[in-house]
Amino acid sequence: MRMRRTLPALVIILCAGVASADPPTNLPSWLAGTPKTPDLERKVEGTFPDALPLIAYDPNTNVGLGIGGHLTFDGSRKDALFDYAPYQHRL
């Protein structure tokens, strides 16, 4: 019963938010209505590595140490997708 009341309200709120956004004209059609990346001012242009230390404990093997990471390709600020996509490629 509660779902019948909240679903239409949720649909109206979501549609109103999408309709009010004015997408730039140079974006692909599949990207229209997508919000910009929240930390655009701090976003790095180009390619950079990112790593995170991993620590684990298992009673059978004791302590486990490692590194997890990836290489991120952001592209150029001149690219139309730079403002909207968090990254172009990630390995």
Protein backbone atom coordinates (compact mmCIF):
# COMPACT_ATOMS: atom_id res chain seq x y z
CA MET A 1 0.00 0.00 0.00
CA ARG A 2 2.78 2.41 0.89
CA MET A 3 4.61 1.56 -2.35
CA ARG A 4 1.61 2.65 -4.42
CA ARG A 5 1.83 6.15 -2.94
CA THR A 6 5.61 6.59 -3.00
CA LEU A 7 6.33 5.27 -6.49
CA PRO A 8 4.41 7.99 -8.41
CA ALA A 9 5.92 10.69 -6.20
CA LEU A 10 9.42 9.34 -6.81
CA VAL A 11 8.87 9.21 -10.58
CA ILE A 12 7.61 12.81 -10.64
CA ILE A 13 10.58 14.06 -8.60
CA LEU A 14 13.10 12.28 -10.79
CA CYS A 15 11.50 13.46 -14.04
CA ALA A 16 11.33 17.05 -12.80
CA GLY A 17 15.04 16.99 -11.95
CA VAL A 18 16.01 15.63 -15.38
CA ALA A 19 13.75 18.03 -17.26
CA SER A 20 15.16 21.09 -15.51
CA ALA A 21 18.79 20.38 -16.48
CA ASP A 22 19.99 22.17 -19.61
CA PRO A 23 22.55 19.88 -21.30
CA PRO A 24 25.33 21.46 -23.37
CA THR A 25 24.87 21.20 -27.12
CA ASN A 26 28.17 19.39 -27.86
CA LEU A 27 27.38 16.28 -25.74
CA PRO A 28 26.35 12.91 -27.19
CA SER A 29 22.64 12.12 -26.88
CA TRP A 30 23.26 9.23 -24.45
CA LEU A 31 24.96 11.64 -22.03
CA ALA A 32 22.25 14.31 -22.01
CA GLY A 33 20.87 14.91 -18.52
CA THR A 34 23.92 13.52 -16.72
CA PRO A 35 25.22 15.76 -13.91
CA LYS A 36 28.78 17.05 -13.98
CA THR A 37 31.52 15.40 -11.94
CA PRO A 38 31.25 16.83 -8.38
CA ASP A 39 34.98 17.49 -7.88
CA LEU A 40 35.69 18.92 -11.33
CA GLU A 41 38.04 21.63 -10.00
CA ARG A 42 40.36 19.00 -8.48
CA LYS A 43 40.16 16.51 -11.36
CA VAL A 44 43.60 15.73 -12.81
CA GLU A 45 44.15 16.05 -16.54
CA GLY A 46 46.10 13.25 -18.23
CA THR A 47 47.19 9.88 -16.77
CA PHE A 48 48.06 8.97 -13.18
CA PRO A 49 48.55 5.85 -11.02
CA ASP A 50 46.56 5.22 -7.87
CA ALA A 51 47.41 2.65 -5.18
CA LEU A 52 45.96 1.43 -1.90
CA PRO A 53 47.72 -0.71 0.70
CA LEU A 54 45.98 -3.96 1.60
CA ILE A 55 46.29 -5.60 5.02
CA ALA A 56 44.60 -8.84 6.01
CA TYR A 57 44.71 -11.37 8.82
CA ASP A 58 43.82 -15.05 8.66
CA PRO A 59 44.36 -17.50 11.54
CA ASN A 60 45.79 -20.05 9.11
CA THR A 61 48.21 -17.83 7.21
CA ASN A 62 48.69 -14.99 9.74
CA VAL A 63 49.18 -11.51 8.30
CA GLY A 64 48.82 -10.75 4.60
CA LEU A 65 50.14 -7.60 2.96
CA GLY A 66 49.68 -6.29 -0.56
CA ILE A 67 48.97 -3.37 -2.83
CA GLY A 68 45.89 -2.80 -4.95
CA GLY A 69 45.90 -0.13 -7.61
CA HIS A 70 44.99 1.04 -11.05
CA LEU A 71 46.15 3.41 -13.80
CA THR A 72 43.60 6.10 -14.68
CA PHE A 73 43.38 7.92 -18.03
CA ASP A 74 41.36 11.17 -17.65
CA GLY A 75 42.02 12.75 -21.02
CA SER A 76 42.13 16.47 -21.79
CA ARG A 77 39.95 19.27 -20.37
CA LYS A 78 39.10 20.18 -23.99
CA ASP A 79 37.23 16.87 -24.38
CA ALA A 80 33.43 17.19 -24.10
CA LEU A 81 33.22 14.16 -21.77
CA PHE A 82 35.85 15.45 -19.29
CA ASP A 83 33.25 17.34 -17.20
CA TYR A 84 30.78 14.44 -17.06
CA ALA A 85 32.73 11.15 -16.92
CA PRO A 86 34.82 10.30 -13.83
CA TYR A 87 37.55 8.89 -16.13
CA GLN A 88 37.98 7.73 -19.73
CA HIS A 89 39.82 4.45 -19.14
CA ARG A 90 41.10 2.58 -16.11
CA LEU A 91 43.48 -0.39 -15.99
